Amino acid sequence: MKRKLGTPKAVVATAHKLRRIVYHMLKNQTPFTAVGAEHEDERYRE
């Protein structure tokens, strides 16, 4: 994203994405569950 938009816009876009995730978690009272990097790599390949 940084390469496409530039550093300032990439930072704002990432902050906005995090805000949406936190809002969703608070609204639905969803607990945070950390997953390992292997799980994310596997999900990315699918």
C-alpha atoms as a PDB file:
ATOM      1  CA  MET A   1       0.000   0.000   0.000  1.00  0.00           C
ATOM      2  CA  LYS A   2       2.889   2.333   0.795  1.00  0.00           C
ATOM      3  CA  ARG A   3       4.298   2.008  -2.691  1.00  0.00           C
ATOM      4  CA  LYS A   4       0.943   2.760  -4.304  1.00  0.00           C
ATOM      5  CA  LEU A   5      -0.303   5.615  -2.082  1.00  0.00           C
ATOM      6  CA  GLY A   6       2.754   7.017  -0.368  1.00  0.00           C
ATOM      7  CA  THR A   7       3.763   6.864   3.282  1.00  0.00           C
ATOM      8  CA  PRO A   8       1.304   9.393   4.815  1.00  0.00           C
ATOM      9  CA  LYS A   9      -1.745   7.888   3.127  1.00  0.00           C
ATOM     10  CA  ALA A  10      -0.629   4.353   3.975  1.00  0.00           C
ATOM     11  CA  VAL A  11      -0.343   5.290   7.663  1.00  0.00           C
ATOM     12  CA  VAL A  12      -3.826   6.839   7.658  1.00  0.00           C
ATOM     13  CA  ALA A  13      -5.287   3.832   5.828  1.00  0.00           C
ATOM     14  CA  THR A  14      -3.731   1.420   8.327  1.00  0.00           C
ATOM     15  CA  ALA A  15      -5.007   3.467  11.282  1.00  0.00           C
ATOM     16  CA  HIS A  16      -8.496   3.508   9.757  1.00  0.00           C
ATOM     17  CA  LYS A  17      -8.431  -0.259   9.287  1.00  0.00           C
ATOM     18  CA  LEU A  18      -7.351  -0.792  12.902  1.00  0.00           C
ATOM     19  CA  ARG A  19     -10.112   1.562  14.092  1.00  0.00           C
ATOM     20  CA  ARG A  20     -12.727  -0.456  12.228  1.00  0.00           C
ATOM     21  CA  ILE A  21     -11.413  -3.715  13.696  1.00  0.00           C
ATOM     22  CA  VAL A  22     -11.421  -2.349  17.264  1.00  0.00           C
ATOM     23  CA  TYR A  23     -14.911  -0.873  16.812  1.00  0.00           C
ATOM     24  CA  HIS A  24     -16.244  -4.210  15.559  1.00  0.00           C
ATOM     25  CA  MET A  25     -14.650  -6.061  18.493  1.00  0.00           C
ATOM     26  CA  LEU A  26     -16.100  -3.639  21.048  1.00  0.00           C
ATOM     27  CA  LYS A  27     -19.536  -3.527  19.438  1.00  0.00           C
ATOM     28  CA  ASN A  28     -19.885  -7.305  19.292  1.00  0.00           C
ATOM     29  CA  GLN A  29     -17.925  -7.955  22.511  1.00  0.00           C
ATOM     30  CA  THR A  30     -15.562 -10.255  20.639  1.00  0.00           C
ATOM     31  CA  PRO A  31     -12.440 -11.207  22.598  1.00  0.00           C
ATOM     32  CA  PHE A  32      -9.041 -10.806  20.946  1.00  0.00           C
ATOM     33  CA  THR A  33      -7.383 -14.075  20.009  1.00  0.00           C
ATOM     34  CA  ALA A  34      -3.822 -13.952  18.743  1.00  0.00           C
ATOM     35  CA  VAL A  35      -2.929 -16.361  15.958  1.00  0.00           C
ATOM     36  CA  GLY A  36       0.536 -17.381  14.924  1.00  0.00           C
ATOM     37  CA  ALA A  37       2.325 -16.301  11.788  1.00  0.00           C
ATOM     38  CA  GLU A  38       2.019 -19.828  10.381  1.00  0.00           C
ATOM     39  CA  HIS A  39      -1.762 -19.579  10.474  1.00  0.00           C
ATOM     40  CA  GLU A  40      -1.694 -16.253   8.618  1.00  0.00           C
ATOM     41  CA  ASP A  41       0.696 -17.636   6.002  1.00  0.00           C
ATOM     42  CA  GLU A  42      -1.565 -20.631   5.482  1.00  0.00           C
ATOM     43  CA  ARG A  43      -4.635 -18.401   5.167  1.00  0.00           C
ATOM     44  CA  TYR A  44      -2.813 -16.186   2.658  1.00  0.00           C
ATOM     45  CA  ARG A  45      -1.961 -19.179   0.440  1.00  0.00           C
ATOM     46  CA  GLU A  46      -5.625 -20.191   0.229  1.00  0.00           C
END
